[in-house]
Full PDB file with SEQRES, HELIX, SHEET, SSBOND, CRYST1, ORIGX, SCALE, CONECT and MASTER records, all heavy atoms in Angstrom:
SEQRES   1 A   42  ASP GLU PHE PRO SER TYR GLY PHE GLU GLU LYS PRO SER          
SEQRES   2 A   42  ASN GLU GLU GLU PRO LEU GLU GLU GLU GLY SER ASN GLN          
SEQRES   3 A   42  ILE PHE MET ILE GLU GLU SER HIS MET ASP GLY SER THR          
SEQRES   4 A   42  THR ASP GLY                                                  
HELIX    1 AA1 PHE A    3  SER A    5  5                                   3    
HELIX    2 AA2 LEU A   19  SER A   33  1                                  15    
CRYST1    1.000    1.000    1.000  90.00  90.00  90.00 P 1           1          
ORIGX1      1.000000  0.000000  0.000000        0.00000                         
ORIGX2      0.000000  1.000000  0.000000        0.00000                         
ORIGX3      0.000000  0.000000  1.000000        0.00000                         
SCALE1      1.000000  0.000000  0.000000        0.00000                         
SCALE2      0.000000  1.000000  0.000000        0.00000                         
SCALE3      0.000000  0.000000  1.000000        0.00000                         
ATOM      1  N   ASP A   1     117.335  84.034  56.203  1.00  0.00           N  
ATOM      2  CA  ASP A   1     118.653  83.696  56.750  1.00  0.00           C  
ATOM      3  C   ASP A   1     119.338  84.857  57.424  1.00  0.00           C  
ATOM      4  O   ASP A   1     120.019  84.665  58.427  1.00  0.00           O  
ATOM      5  CB  ASP A   1     119.518  83.104  55.622  1.00  0.00           C  
ATOM      6  CG  ASP A   1     119.022  81.783  55.109  1.00  0.00           C  
ATOM      7  OD1 ASP A   1     118.222  81.155  55.802  1.00  0.00           O  
ATOM      8  OD2 ASP A   1     119.412  81.384  53.991  1.00  0.00           O  
ATOM      9  N   GLU A   2     119.158  86.034  56.843  1.00  0.00           N  
ATOM     10  CA  GLU A   2     119.814  87.226  57.418  1.00  0.00           C  
ATOM     11  C   GLU A   2     119.019  87.841  58.571  1.00  0.00           C  
ATOM     12  O   GLU A   2     119.503  88.653  59.326  1.00  0.00           O  
ATOM     13  CB  GLU A   2     120.004  88.284  56.339  1.00  0.00           C  
ATOM     14  CG  GLU A   2     121.045  87.925  55.307  1.00  0.00           C  
ATOM     15  CD  GLU A   2     121.255  89.060  54.314  1.00  0.00           C  
ATOM     16  OE1 GLU A   2     120.572  90.105  54.455  1.00  0.00           O  
ATOM     17  OE2 GLU A   2     122.119  88.949  53.429  1.00  0.00           O  
ATOM     18  N   PHE A   3     117.722  87.491  58.691  1.00  0.00           N  
ATOM     19  CA  PHE A   3     116.796  88.176  59.591  1.00  0.00           C  
ATOM     20  C   PHE A   3     117.272  88.238  61.026  1.00  0.00           C  
ATOM     21  O   PHE A   3     117.111  89.237  61.690  1.00  0.00           O  
ATOM     22  CB  PHE A   3     115.424  87.501  59.496  1.00  0.00           C  
ATOM     23  CG  PHE A   3     114.304  88.341  60.050  1.00  0.00           C  
ATOM     24  CD1 PHE A   3     113.717  89.332  59.295  1.00  0.00           C  
ATOM     25  CD2 PHE A   3     113.883  88.169  61.365  1.00  0.00           C  
ATOM     26  CE1 PHE A   3     112.721  90.119  59.812  1.00  0.00           C  
ATOM     27  CE2 PHE A   3     112.869  88.916  61.861  1.00  0.00           C  
ATOM     28  CZ  PHE A   3     112.295  89.921  61.093  1.00  0.00           C  
ATOM     29  N   PRO A   4     117.897  87.102  61.581  1.00  0.00           N  
ATOM     30  CA  PRO A   4     118.290  87.183  62.986  1.00  0.00           C  
ATOM     31  C   PRO A   4     119.329  88.236  63.305  1.00  0.00           C  
ATOM     32  O   PRO A   4     119.454  88.646  64.465  1.00  0.00           O  
ATOM     33  CB  PRO A   4     118.872  85.788  63.234  1.00  0.00           C  
ATOM     34  CG  PRO A   4     118.236  84.916  62.208  1.00  0.00           C  
ATOM     35  CD  PRO A   4     118.082  85.793  60.997  1.00  0.00           C  
ATOM     36  N   SER A   5     120.027  88.755  62.297  1.00  0.00           N  
ATOM     37  CA  SER A   5     121.070  89.763  62.575  1.00  0.00           C  
ATOM     38  C   SER A   5     120.512  91.176  62.573  1.00  0.00           C  
ATOM     39  O   SER A   5     121.247  92.114  62.870  1.00  0.00           O  
ATOM     40  CB  SER A   5     122.179  89.670  61.503  1.00  0.00           C  
ATOM     41  OG  SER A   5     121.656  89.992  60.228  1.00  0.00           O  
ATOM     42  N   TYR A   6     119.202  91.380  62.263  1.00  0.00           N  
ATOM     43  CA  TYR A   6     118.628  92.709  62.257  1.00  0.00           C  
ATOM     44  C   TYR A   6     118.369  93.185  63.691  1.00  0.00           C  
ATOM     45  O   TYR A   6     117.973  92.407  64.552  1.00  0.00           O  
ATOM     46  CB  TYR A   6     117.338  92.717  61.446  1.00  0.00           C  
ATOM     47  CG  TYR A   6     117.480  92.359  59.991  1.00  0.00           C  
ATOM     48  CD1 TYR A   6     116.369  92.139  59.202  1.00  0.00           C  
ATOM     49  CD2 TYR A   6     118.758  92.255  59.427  1.00  0.00           C  
ATOM     50  CE1 TYR A   6     116.555  91.808  57.834  1.00  0.00           C  
ATOM     51  CE2 TYR A   6     118.902  91.935  58.094  1.00  0.00           C  
ATOM     52  CZ  TYR A   6     117.821  91.702  57.313  1.00  0.00           C  
ATOM     53  OH  TYR A   6     117.977  91.372  56.004  1.00  0.00           O  
ATOM     54  N   GLY A   7     118.568  94.508  63.887  1.00  0.00           N  
ATOM     55  CA  GLY A   7     118.492  95.033  65.268  1.00  0.00           C  
ATOM     56  C   GLY A   7     117.102  95.483  65.647  1.00  0.00           C  
ATOM     57  O   GLY A   7     116.836  96.651  65.810  1.00  0.00           O  
ATOM     58  N   PHE A   8     116.163  94.549  65.830  1.00  0.00           N  
ATOM     59  CA  PHE A   8     114.811  94.876  66.263  1.00  0.00           C  
ATOM     60  C   PHE A   8     114.810  95.232  67.735  1.00  0.00           C  
ATOM     61  O   PHE A   8     115.566  94.664  68.532  1.00  0.00           O  
ATOM     62  CB  PHE A   8     113.884  93.699  65.990  1.00  0.00           C  
ATOM     63  CG  PHE A   8     113.411  93.572  64.584  1.00  0.00           C  
ATOM     64  CD1 PHE A   8     114.119  92.819  63.655  1.00  0.00           C  
ATOM     65  CD2 PHE A   8     112.267  94.223  64.171  1.00  0.00           C  
ATOM     66  CE1 PHE A   8     113.702  92.693  62.361  1.00  0.00           C  
ATOM     67  CE2 PHE A   8     111.798  94.087  62.880  1.00  0.00           C  
ATOM     68  CZ  PHE A   8     112.503  93.337  61.981  1.00  0.00           C  
ATOM     69  N   GLU A   9     113.909  96.165  68.089  1.00  0.00           N  
ATOM     70  CA  GLU A   9     113.687  96.459  69.500  1.00  0.00           C  
ATOM     71  C   GLU A   9     112.850  95.328  70.085  1.00  0.00           C  
ATOM     72  O   GLU A   9     111.886  94.857  69.479  1.00  0.00           O  
ATOM     73  CB  GLU A   9     112.961  97.772  69.687  1.00  0.00           C  
ATOM     74  CG  GLU A   9     113.835  98.965  69.274  1.00  0.00           C  
ATOM     75  CD  GLU A   9     113.136 100.279  69.566  1.00  0.00           C  
ATOM     76  OE1 GLU A   9     111.976 100.231  70.076  1.00  0.00           O  
ATOM     77  OE2 GLU A   9     113.705 101.316  69.305  1.00  0.00           O  
ATOM     78  N   GLU A  10     113.215  94.880  71.276  1.00  0.00           N  
ATOM     79  CA  GLU A  10     112.522  93.781  71.916  1.00  0.00           C  
ATOM     80  C   GLU A  10     111.232  94.290  72.558  1.00  0.00           C  
ATOM     81  O   GLU A  10     111.163  95.332  73.165  1.00  0.00           O  
ATOM     82  CB  GLU A  10     113.398  93.117  72.954  1.00  0.00           C  
ATOM     83  CG  GLU A  10     114.615  92.474  72.382  1.00  0.00           C  
ATOM     84  CD  GLU A  10     114.268  91.354  71.426  1.00  0.00           C  
ATOM     85  OE1 GLU A  10     113.206  90.723  71.655  1.00  0.00           O  
ATOM     86  OE2 GLU A  10     114.993  91.127  70.461  1.00  0.00           O  
ATOM     87  N   LYS A  11     110.179  93.463  72.397  1.00  0.00           N  
ATOM     88  CA  LYS A  11     108.890  93.771  73.010  1.00  0.00           C  
ATOM     89  C   LYS A  11     108.819  93.179  74.406  1.00  0.00           C  
ATOM     90  O   LYS A  11     109.051  91.971  74.560  1.00  0.00           O  
ATOM     91  CB  LYS A  11     107.750  93.188  72.135  1.00  0.00           C  
ATOM     92  CG  LYS A  11     106.372  93.554  72.672  1.00  0.00           C  
ATOM     93  CD  LYS A  11     105.325  92.995  71.746  1.00  0.00           C  
ATOM     94  CE  LYS A  11     103.910  93.349  72.272  1.00  0.00           C  
ATOM     95  NZ  LYS A  11     102.867  92.813  71.404  1.00  0.00           N  
ATOM     96  N   PRO A  12     108.600  93.987  75.434  1.00  0.00           N  
ATOM     97  CA  PRO A  12     108.620  93.468  76.804  1.00  0.00           C  
ATOM     98  C   PRO A  12     107.561  92.378  76.993  1.00  0.00           C  
ATOM     99  O   PRO A  12     106.519  92.392  76.381  1.00  0.00           O  
ATOM    100  CB  PRO A  12     108.344  94.678  77.693  1.00  0.00           C  
ATOM    101  CG  PRO A  12     108.626  95.857  76.781  1.00  0.00           C  
ATOM    102  CD  PRO A  12     108.337  95.372  75.398  1.00  0.00           C  
ATOM    103  N   SER A  13     107.854  91.437  77.879  1.00  0.00           N  
ATOM    104  CA  SER A  13     106.892  90.388  78.219  1.00  0.00           C  
ATOM    105  C   SER A  13     105.814  90.944  79.128  1.00  0.00           C  
ATOM    106  O   SER A  13     106.002  91.844  79.922  1.00  0.00           O  
ATOM    107  CB  SER A  13     107.631  89.227  78.920  1.00  0.00           C  
ATOM    108  OG  SER A  13     106.684  88.293  79.356  1.00  0.00           O  
ATOM    109  N   ASN A  14     104.576  90.384  78.964  1.00  0.00           N  
ATOM    110  CA  ASN A  14     103.424  90.861  79.745  1.00  0.00           C  
ATOM    111  C   ASN A  14     103.180  89.990  80.972  1.00  0.00           C  
ATOM    112  O   ASN A  14     102.129  90.100  81.608  1.00  0.00           O  
ATOM    113  CB  ASN A  14     102.166  90.898  78.878  1.00  0.00           C  
ATOM    114  CG  ASN A  14     102.272  91.934  77.813  1.00  0.00           C  
ATOM    115  OD1 ASN A  14     102.842  92.986  78.014  1.00  0.00           O  
ATOM    116  ND2 ASN A  14     101.719  91.616  76.610  1.00  0.00           N  
ATOM    117  N   GLU A  15     104.140  89.102  81.340  1.00  0.00           N  
ATOM    118  CA  GLU A  15     103.917  88.226  82.479  1.00  0.00           C  
ATOM    119  C   GLU A  15     103.839  88.998  83.771  1.00  0.00           C  
ATOM    120  O   GLU A  15     103.163  88.640  84.702  1.00  0.00           O  
ATOM    121  CB  GLU A  15     105.015  87.179  82.525  1.00  0.00           C  
ATOM    122  CG  GLU A  15     104.942  86.200  81.334  1.00  0.00           C  
ATOM    123  CD  GLU A  15     105.985  85.098  81.489  1.00  0.00           C  
ATOM    124  OE1 GLU A  15     106.635  85.082  82.544  1.00  0.00           O  
ATOM    125  OE2 GLU A  15     106.136  84.305  80.528  1.00  0.00           O  
ATOM    126  N   GLU A  16     104.616  90.070  83.886  1.00  0.00           N  
ATOM    127  CA  GLU A  16     104.638  90.831  85.144  1.00  0.00           C  
ATOM    128  C   GLU A  16     104.256  92.279  84.889  1.00  0.00           C  
ATOM    129  O   GLU A  16     104.884  92.972  84.092  1.00  0.00           O  
ATOM    130  CB  GLU A  16     106.043  90.792  85.761  1.00  0.00           C  
ATOM    131  CG  GLU A  16     106.142  91.554  87.032  1.00  0.00           C  
ATOM    132  CD  GLU A  16     107.563  91.488  87.591  1.00  0.00           C  
ATOM    133  OE1 GLU A  16     108.037  90.376  87.782  1.00  0.00           O  
ATOM    134  OE2 GLU A  16     108.127  92.562  87.849  1.00  0.00           O  
ATOM    135  N   GLU A  17     103.194  92.729  85.528  1.00  0.00           N  
ATOM    136  CA  GLU A  17     102.766  94.109  85.409  1.00  0.00           C  
ATOM    137  C   GLU A  17     103.603  94.958  86.309  1.00  0.00           C  
ATOM    138  O   GLU A  17     104.085  94.528  87.336  1.00  0.00           O  
ATOM    139  CB  GLU A  17     101.298  94.226  85.752  1.00  0.00           C  
ATOM    140  CG  GLU A  17     100.369  93.461  84.834  1.00  0.00           C  
ATOM    141  CD  GLU A  17     100.325  94.073  83.447  1.00  0.00           C  
ATOM    142  OE1 GLU A  17     100.637  95.270  83.335  1.00  0.00           O  
ATOM    143  OE2 GLU A  17     100.015  93.336  82.477  1.00  0.00           O  
ATOM    144  N   PRO A  18     103.797  96.242  85.996  1.00  0.00           N  
ATOM    145  CA  PRO A  18     104.514  97.137  86.895  1.00  0.00           C  
ATOM    146  C   PRO A  18     103.869  97.201  88.253  1.00  0.00           C  
ATOM    147  O   PRO A  18     102.647  97.216  88.384  1.00  0.00           O  
ATOM    148  CB  PRO A  18     104.466  98.496  86.170  1.00  0.00           C  
ATOM    149  CG  PRO A  18     104.256  98.136  84.754  1.00  0.00           C  
ATOM    150  CD  PRO A  18     103.425  96.892  84.743  1.00  0.00           C  
ATOM    151  N   LEU A  19     104.695  97.237  89.280  1.00  0.00           N  
ATOM    152  CA  LEU A  19     104.185  97.241  90.641  1.00  0.00           C  
ATOM    153  C   LEU A  19     103.336  98.480  90.917  1.00  0.00           C  
ATOM    154  O   LEU A  19     102.417  98.431  91.699  1.00  0.00           O  
ATOM    155  CB  LEU A  19     105.343  97.129  91.640  1.00  0.00           C  
ATOM    156  CG  LEU A  19     106.143  95.790  91.575  1.00  0.00           C  
ATOM    157  CD1 LEU A  19     107.304  95.893  92.571  1.00  0.00           C  
ATOM    158  CD2 LEU A  19     105.218  94.642  91.967  1.00  0.00           C  
ATOM    159  N   GLU A  20     103.720  99.619  90.320  1.00  0.00           N  
ATOM    160  CA  GLU A  20     102.940 100.833  90.551  1.00  0.00           C  
ATOM    161  C   GLU A  20     101.504 100.686  90.123  1.00  0.00           C  
ATOM    162  O   GLU A  20     100.591 101.133  90.785  1.00  0.00           O  
ATOM    163  CB  GLU A  20     103.581 102.024  89.825  1.00  0.00           C  
ATOM    164  CG  GLU A  20     104.932 102.450  90.372  1.00  0.00           C  
ATOM    165  CD  GLU A  20     106.055 101.570  89.879  1.00  0.00           C  
ATOM    166  OE1 GLU A  20     105.753 100.673  89.069  1.00  0.00           O  
ATOM    167  OE2 GLU A  20     107.197 101.786  90.286  1.00  0.00           O  
ATOM    168  N   GLU A  21     101.302  99.955  88.973  1.00  0.00           N  
ATOM    169  CA  GLU A  21      99.926  99.765  88.510  1.00  0.00           C  
ATOM    170  C   GLU A  21      99.137  98.879  89.447  1.00  0.00           C  
ATOM    171  O   GLU A  21      97.988  99.046  89.667  1.00  0.00           O  
ATOM    172  CB  GLU A  21      99.961  99.207  87.099  1.00  0.00           C  
ATOM    173  CG  GLU A  21     100.545 100.162  86.074  1.00  0.00           C  
ATOM    174  CD  GLU A  21     100.448  99.559  84.683  1.00  0.00           C  
ATOM    175  OE1 GLU A  21      99.809  98.490  84.533  1.00  0.00           O  
ATOM    176  OE2 GLU A  21     101.006 100.194  83.759  1.00  0.00           O  
ATOM    177  N   GLU A  22      99.840  97.789  89.986  1.00  0.00           N  
ATOM    178  CA  GLU A  22      99.138  96.941  90.932  1.00  0.00           C  
ATOM    179  C   GLU A  22      98.679  97.718  92.138  1.00  0.00           C  
ATOM    180  O   GLU A  22      97.561  97.609  92.585  1.00  0.00           O  
ATOM    181  CB  GLU A  22     100.087  95.830  91.347  1.00  0.00           C  
ATOM    182  CG  GLU A  22     100.420  94.831  90.222  1.00  0.00           C  
ATOM    183  CD  GLU A  22     101.371  93.747  90.698  1.00  0.00           C  
ATOM    184  OE1 GLU A  22     101.716  93.766  91.896  1.00  0.00           O  
ATOM    185  OE2 GLU A  22     101.752  92.894  89.861  1.00  0.00           O  
ATOM    186  N   GLY A  23      99.565  98.585  92.635  1.00  0.00           N  
ATOM    187  CA  GLY A  23      99.179  99.385  93.831  1.00  0.00           C  
ATOM    188  C   GLY A  23      98.040 100.322  93.546  1.00  0.00           C  
ATOM    189  O   GLY A  23      97.146 100.488  94.357  1.00  0.00           O  
ATOM    190  N   SER A  24      98.076 100.961  92.371  1.00  0.00           N  
ATOM    191  CA  SER A  24      97.020 101.919  92.031  1.00  0.00           C  
ATOM    192  C   SER A  24      95.701 101.183  91.903  1.00  0.00           C  
ATOM    193  O   SER A  24      94.636 101.723  92.246  1.00  0.00           O  
ATOM    194  CB  SER A  24      97.391 102.663  90.755  1.00  0.00           C  
ATOM    195  OG  SER A  24      97.515 101.734  89.672  1.00  0.00           O  
ATOM    196  N   ASN A  25      95.698  99.931  91.334  1.00  0.00           N  
ATOM    197  CA  ASN A  25      94.469  99.164  91.239  1.00  0.00           C  
ATOM    198  C   ASN A  25      93.934  98.807  92.592  1.00  0.00           C  
ATOM    199  O   ASN A  25      92.717  98.860  92.833  1.00  0.00           O  
ATOM    200  CB  ASN A  25      94.715  97.899  90.419  1.00  0.00           C  
ATOM    201  CG  ASN A  25      94.961  98.223  88.966  1.00  0.00           C  
ATOM    202  OD1 ASN A  25      94.574  99.252  88.514  1.00  0.00           O  
ATOM    203  ND2 ASN A  25      95.563  97.265  88.246  1.00  0.00           N  
ATOM    204  N   GLN A  26      94.825  98.455  93.568  1.00  0.00           N  
ATOM    205  CA  GLN A  26      94.370  98.158  94.908  1.00  0.00           C  
ATOM    206  C   GLN A  26      93.732  99.366  95.582  1.00  0.00           C  
ATOM    207  O   GLN A  26      92.668  99.252  96.175  1.00  0.00           O  
ATOM    208  CB  GLN A  26      95.550  97.683  95.754  1.00  0.00           C  
ATOM    209  CG  GLN A  26      96.120  96.332  95.307  1.00  0.00           C  
ATOM    210  CD  GLN A  26      97.394  96.005  96.029  1.00  0.00           C  
ATOM    211  OE1 GLN A  26      97.893  96.779  96.823  1.00  0.00           O  
ATOM    212  NE2 GLN A  26      97.926  94.826  95.734  1.00  0.00           N  
ATOM    213  N   ILE A  27      94.341 100.551  95.430  1.00  0.00           N  
ATOM    214  CA  ILE A  27      93.772 101.743  96.025  1.00  0.00           C  
ATOM    215  C   ILE A  27      92.407 102.021  95.440  1.00  0.00           C  
ATOM    216  O   ILE A  27      91.471 102.374  96.091  1.00  0.00           O  
ATOM    217  CB  ILE A  27      94.710 102.923  95.805  1.00  0.00           C  
ATOM    218  CG1 ILE A  27      95.992 102.705  96.613  1.00  0.00           C  
ATOM    219  CG2 ILE A  27      94.064 104.255  96.199  1.00  0.00           C  
ATOM    220  CD1 ILE A  27      97.044 103.767  96.397  1.00  0.00           C  
ATOM    221  N   PHE A  28      92.280 101.822  94.070  1.00  0.00           N  
ATOM    222  CA  PHE A  28      91.015 102.128  93.435  1.00  0.00           C  
ATOM    223  C   PHE A  28      89.938 101.202  93.973  1.00  0.00           C  
ATOM    224  O   PHE A  28      88.807 101.620  94.244  1.00  0.00           O  
ATOM    225  CB  PHE A  28      91.141 101.947  91.914  1.00  0.00           C  
ATOM    226  CG  PHE A  28      89.847 102.043  91.208  1.00  0.00           C  
ATOM    227  CD1 PHE A  28      89.281 103.299  90.950  1.00  0.00           C  
ATOM    228  CD2 PHE A  28      89.178 100.948  90.740  1.00  0.00           C  
ATOM    229  CE1 PHE A  28      88.084 103.446  90.311  1.00  0.00           C  
ATOM    230  CE2 PHE A  28      87.959 101.067  90.075  1.00  0.00           C  
ATOM    231  CZ  PHE A  28      87.426 102.321  89.854  1.00  0.00           C  
ATOM    232  N   MET A  29      90.244  99.903  94.163  1.00  0.00           N  
ATOM    233  CA  MET A  29      89.252  98.959  94.683  1.00  0.00           C  
ATOM    234  C   MET A  29      88.886  99.336  96.122  1.00  0.00           C  
ATOM    235  O   MET A  29      87.715  99.192  96.513  1.00  0.00           O  
ATOM    236  CB  MET A  29      89.829  97.564  94.625  1.00  0.00           C  
ATOM    237  CG  MET A  29      90.052  97.050  93.175  1.00  0.00           C  
ATOM    238  SD  MET A  29      90.882  95.464  93.146  1.00  0.00           S  
ATOM    239  CE  MET A  29      89.698  94.470  94.028  1.00  0.00           C  
ATOM    240  N   ILE A  30      89.843  99.775  96.907  1.00  0.00           N  
ATOM    241  CA  ILE A  30      89.572 100.132  98.316  1.00  0.00           C  
ATOM    242  C   ILE A  30      88.631 101.315  98.338  1.00  0.00           C  
ATOM    243  O   ILE A  30      87.606 101.300  99.046  1.00  0.00           O  
ATOM    244  CB  ILE A  30      90.846 100.471  99.054  1.00  0.00           C  
ATOM    245  CG1 ILE A  30      91.720  99.173  99.155  1.00  0.00           C  
ATOM    246  CG2 ILE A  30      90.574 101.017 100.445  1.00  0.00           C  
ATOM    247  CD1 ILE A  30      93.152  99.442  99.580  1.00  0.00           C  
ATOM    248  N   GLU A  31      88.925 102.341  97.532  1.00  0.00           N  
ATOM    249  CA  GLU A  31      88.077 103.538  97.580  1.00  0.00           C  
ATOM    250  C   GLU A  31      86.704 103.245  97.075  1.00  0.00           C  
ATOM    251  O   GLU A  31      85.728 103.846  97.513  1.00  0.00           O  
ATOM    252  CB  GLU A  31      88.743 104.643  96.722  1.00  0.00           C  
ATOM    253  CG  GLU A  31      90.035 105.153  97.320  1.00  0.00           C  
ATOM    254  CD  GLU A  31      90.677 106.183  96.421  1.00  0.00           C  
ATOM    255  OE1 GLU A  31      90.220 106.321  95.279  1.00  0.00           O  
ATOM    256  OE2 GLU A  31      91.662 106.830  96.876  1.00  0.00           O  
ATOM    257  N   GLU A  32      86.562 102.295  96.133  1.00  0.00           N  
ATOM    258  CA  GLU A  32      85.256 102.041  95.565  1.00  0.00           C  
ATOM    259  C   GLU A  32      84.391 101.218  96.519  1.00  0.00           C  
ATOM    260  O   GLU A  32      83.187 101.367  96.604  1.00  0.00           O  
ATOM    261  CB  GLU A  32      85.456 101.269  94.247  1.00  0.00           C  
ATOM    262  CG  GLU A  32      84.142 101.084  93.504  1.00  0.00           C  
ATOM    263  CD  GLU A  32      84.372 100.376  92.187  1.00  0.00           C  
ATOM    264  OE1 GLU A  32      85.169  99.413  92.185  1.00  0.00           O  
ATOM    265  OE2 GLU A  32      83.723 100.738  91.210  1.00  0.00           O  
ATOM    266  N   SER A  33      85.020 100.288  97.291  1.00  0.00           N  
ATOM    267  CA  SER A  33      84.270  99.362  98.129  1.00  0.00           C  
ATOM    268  C   SER A  33      84.042  99.909  99.509  1.00  0.00           C  
ATOM    269  O   SER A  33      83.267  99.321 100.285  1.00  0.00           O  
ATOM    270  CB  SER A  33      84.996  98.023  98.221  1.00  0.00           C  
ATOM    271  OG  SER A  33      86.289  98.202  98.732  1.00  0.00           O  
ATOM    272  N   HIS A  34      84.750 100.976  99.889  1.00  0.00           N  
ATOM    273  CA  HIS A  34      84.580 101.521 101.245  1.00  0.00           C  
ATOM    274  C   HIS A  34      84.266 103.015 101.181  1.00  0.00           C  
ATOM    275  O   HIS A  34      85.013 103.830 101.657  1.00  0.00           O  
ATOM    276  CB  HIS A  34      85.844 101.310 102.075  1.00  0.00           C  
ATOM    277  CG  HIS A  34      86.236  99.835 102.166  1.00  0.00           C  
ATOM    278  ND1 HIS A  34      85.535  98.966 102.929  1.00  0.00           N  
ATOM    279  CD2 HIS A  34      87.241  99.175 101.551  1.00  0.00           C  
ATOM    280  CE1 HIS A  34      86.085  97.730 102.813  1.00  0.00           C  
ATOM    281  NE2 HIS A  34      87.103  97.871 101.969  1.00  0.00           N  
ATOM    282  N   MET A  35      83.196 103.304 100.534  1.00  0.00           N  
ATOM    283  CA  MET A  35      82.785 104.712 100.403  1.00  0.00           C  
ATOM    284  C   MET A  35      82.307 105.260 101.737  1.00  0.00           C  
ATOM    285  O   MET A  35      82.199 106.466 101.911  1.00  0.00           O  
ATOM    286  CB  MET A  35      81.683 104.848  99.354  1.00  0.00           C  
ATOM    287  CG  MET A  35      82.128 104.468  97.936  1.00  0.00           C  
ATOM    288  SD  MET A  35      83.398 105.596  97.333  1.00  0.00           S  
ATOM    289  CE  MET A  35      82.406 107.080  97.156  1.00  0.00           C  
ATOM    290  N   ASP A  36      82.000 104.390 102.699  1.00  0.00           N  
ATOM    291  CA  ASP A  36      81.448 104.859 103.953  1.00  0.00           C  
ATOM    292  C   ASP A  36      82.528 105.254 104.947  1.00  0.00           C  
ATOM    293  O   ASP A  36      82.300 105.629 106.067  1.00  0.00           O  
ATOM    294  CB  ASP A  36      80.561 103.808 104.609  1.00  0.00           C  
ATOM    295  CG  ASP A  36      81.309 102.509 104.790  1.00  0.00           C  
ATOM    296  OD1 ASP A  36      82.444 102.411 104.259  1.00  0.00           O  
ATOM    297  OD2 ASP A  36      80.769 101.590 105.469  1.00  0.00           O  
ATOM    298  N   GLY A  37      83.845 105.099 104.537  1.00  0.00           N  
ATOM    299  CA  GLY A  37      84.924 105.567 105.371  1.00  0.00           C  
ATOM    300  C   GLY A  37      85.401 104.493 106.360  1.00  0.00           C  
ATOM    301  O   GLY A  37      86.161 104.821 107.238  1.00  0.00           O  
ATOM    302  N   SER A  38      84.908 103.274 106.253  1.00  0.00           N  
ATOM    303  CA  SER A  38      85.341 102.216 107.192  1.00  0.00           C  
ATOM    304  C   SER A  38      85.922 101.039 106.428  1.00  0.00           C  
ATOM    305  O   SER A  38      85.692 100.889 105.219  1.00  0.00           O  
ATOM    306  CB  SER A  38      84.149 101.778 108.045  1.00  0.00           C  
ATOM    307  OG  SER A  38      83.146 101.202 107.246  1.00  0.00           O  
ATOM    308  N   THR A  39      86.625 100.123 107.116  1.00  0.00           N  
ATOM    309  CA  THR A  39      87.147  98.918 106.518  1.00  0.00           C  
ATOM    310  C   THR A  39      86.444  97.726 107.068  1.00  0.00           C  
ATOM    311  O   THR A  39      85.575  97.810 107.951  1.00  0.00           O  
ATOM    312  CB  THR A  39      88.664  98.817 106.854  1.00  0.00           C  
ATOM    313  OG1 THR A  39      88.815  98.753 108.264  1.00  0.00           O  
ATOM    314  CG2 THR A  39      89.400 100.014 106.323  1.00  0.00           C  
ATOM    315  N   THR A  40      86.789  96.539 106.573  1.00  0.00           N  
ATOM    316  CA  THR A  40      86.113  95.319 106.996  1.00  0.00           C  
ATOM    317  C   THR A  40      86.350  94.990 108.471  1.00  0.00           C  
ATOM    318  O   THR A  40      85.513  94.362 109.147  1.00  0.00           O  
ATOM    319  CB  THR A  40      86.594  94.130 106.162  1.00  0.00           C  
ATOM    320  OG1 THR A  40      87.994  94.061 106.246  1.00  0.00           O  
ATOM    321  CG2 THR A  40      86.182  94.309 104.727  1.00  0.00           C  
ATOM    322  N   ASP A  41      87.511  95.433 109.005  1.00  0.00           N  
ATOM    323  CA  ASP A  41      87.763  95.144 110.416  1.00  0.00           C  
ATOM    324  C   ASP A  41      87.377  96.264 111.350  1.00  0.00           C  
ATOM    325  O   ASP A  41      87.747  96.304 112.526  1.00  0.00           O  
ATOM    326  CB  ASP A  41      89.265  94.811 110.626  1.00  0.00           C  
ATOM    327  CG  ASP A  41      90.138  95.955 110.174  1.00  0.00           C  
ATOM    328  OD1 ASP A  41      89.601  96.968 109.671  1.00  0.00           O  
ATOM    329  OD2 ASP A  41      91.411  95.848 110.305  1.00  0.00           O  
ATOM    330  N   GLY A  42      86.645  97.281 110.811  1.00  0.00           N  
ATOM    331  CA  GLY A  42      86.168  98.334 111.649  1.00  0.00           C  
ATOM    332  C   GLY A  42      87.064  99.526 111.764  1.00  0.00           C  
ATOM    333  O   GLY A  42      86.689 100.546 112.328  1.00  0.00           O  
TER     334      GLY A  42                                                      
MASTER        0    0    0    2    0    0    0    6  333    1    0    4          
END                                                                             
């Protein structure tokens, strides 16, 4: 009954990842798939 009044720290939701991490994952995929120095459009 008293539990709701306790000051717990809230755990963030995992629905949205930080944008910085998304960008870093994109860069990693680009560097891995285009080791020859070119892109799909030349």
